[in-house]
Amino acid sequence: MQIEANQTGCPACGSSALMLFPVFHHMICAYVGPEYDFTPNIAGYTCPKCCRDIVSADPACEIVGTSARCTRCWVEMVVSPACAPAGL
């Protein structure tokens, strides 16, 4: 399911209780997933696929988008990037 960047309600249940999370791409193993898939540790995170540590500002990990999760019905959504104004 996909929502617009300015959408504040869950399209599945209508709740306004959406939580936003960055989507990480771990380039070492090609895993792509929301922040909550990665286990927090002292240095940063641990990748759920390859179990390697990802430290803060690690060049092998990038944020590639945003996901949302409804706290009422737990539906997960991809958030469309905000469109740049015309002429930019």
Protein backbone atom coordinates (compact mmCIF):
# COMPACT_ATOMS: atom_id res chain seq x y z
CA MET A 1 0.00 0.00 0.00
CA GLN A 2 1.26 3.50 -0.79
CA ILE A 3 0.34 6.88 0.68
CA GLU A 4 1.26 10.46 -0.18
CA ALA A 5 3.83 12.32 1.92
CA ASN A 6 1.18 14.73 3.24
CA GLN A 7 -1.37 12.03 4.10
CA THR A 8 -1.99 11.74 7.84
CA GLY A 9 -4.61 8.99 8.04
CA CYS A 10 -4.40 5.24 7.55
CA PRO A 11 -6.16 4.26 4.30
CA ALA A 12 -7.10 0.88 5.81
CA CYS A 13 -8.78 1.92 9.08
CA GLY A 14 -8.91 5.75 9.03
CA SER A 15 -6.77 6.17 12.15
CA SER A 16 -4.55 9.24 12.36
CA ALA A 17 -1.97 7.30 14.36
CA LEU A 18 0.70 6.74 11.70
CA MET A 19 4.33 6.26 12.68
CA LEU A 20 6.98 7.13 10.07
CA PHE A 21 10.25 5.24 9.67
CA PRO A 22 13.24 5.66 7.34
CA VAL A 23 13.85 2.81 4.88
CA PHE A 24 17.48 1.61 4.92
CA HIS A 25 19.44 -0.03 2.10
CA HIS A 26 22.38 -2.06 3.38
CA MET A 27 24.68 -2.22 0.36
CA ILE A 28 26.83 -5.05 1.74
CA CYS A 29 24.01 -7.61 1.44
CA ALA A 30 21.42 -5.58 -0.54
CA TYR A 31 18.81 -5.74 2.23
CA VAL A 32 16.18 -2.99 2.03
CA GLY A 33 13.74 -2.50 4.89
CA PRO A 34 12.28 -0.10 7.42
CA GLU A 35 14.29 0.99 10.45
CA TYR A 36 12.34 -1.35 12.76
CA ASP A 37 13.67 -4.40 10.85
CA PHE A 38 17.21 -3.47 11.95
CA THR A 39 18.16 -4.32 15.53
CA PRO A 40 19.42 -1.29 17.50
CA ASN A 41 22.84 -1.68 19.13
CA ILE A 42 25.35 0.62 20.83
CA ALA A 43 27.09 1.65 17.58
CA GLY A 44 23.95 1.93 15.43
CA TYR A 45 22.07 -1.09 14.06
CA THR A 46 22.52 -4.74 13.10
CA CYS A 47 21.34 -5.85 9.66
CA PRO A 48 18.58 -8.50 9.86
CA LYS A 49 19.86 -10.29 6.74
CA CYS A 50 23.64 -10.53 7.18
CA CYS A 51 23.86 -9.71 10.94
CA ARG A 52 26.66 -7.18 10.39
CA ASP A 53 26.83 -4.05 12.48
CA ILE A 54 26.01 -0.76 10.77
CA VAL A 55 27.61 2.20 12.50
CA SER A 56 26.35 5.76 12.34
CA ALA A 57 27.24 7.44 9.00
CA ASP A 58 28.29 4.07 7.52
CA PRO A 59 28.83 4.58 3.76
CA ALA A 60 27.56 1.02 3.16
CA CYS A 61 24.08 1.98 4.36
CA GLU A 62 21.79 4.65 2.96
CA ILE A 63 18.27 5.91 3.57
CA VAL A 64 16.27 5.28 0.39
CA GLY A 65 12.78 6.33 1.45
CA THR A 66 10.14 6.42 4.14
CA SER A 67 7.63 3.86 5.34
CA ALA A 68 4.63 4.26 7.61
CA ARG A 69 2.89 1.89 9.99
CA CYS A 70 -0.54 2.37 11.53
CA THR A 71 -0.49 1.91 15.30
CA ARG A 72 -4.13 0.78 15.33
CA CYS A 73 -4.32 -1.87 12.56
CA TRP A 74 -0.54 -2.35 11.93
CA VAL A 75 -0.86 -1.96 8.16
CA GLU A 76 2.48 -1.01 6.60
CA MET A 77 2.71 1.56 3.80
CA VAL A 78 5.31 3.11 1.52
CA VAL A 79 5.31 6.90 1.64
CA SER A 80 5.58 8.57 -1.77
CA PRO A 81 8.31 11.20 -1.90
CA ALA A 82 7.06 14.78 -1.83
CA CYS A 83 7.04 16.30 -5.30
CA ALA A 84 9.33 19.24 -5.95
CA PRO A 85 7.62 22.41 -7.16
CA ALA A 86 7.59 22.89 -10.94
CA GLY A 87 10.63 24.61 -12.35
CA LEU A 88 13.12 23.24 -9.82
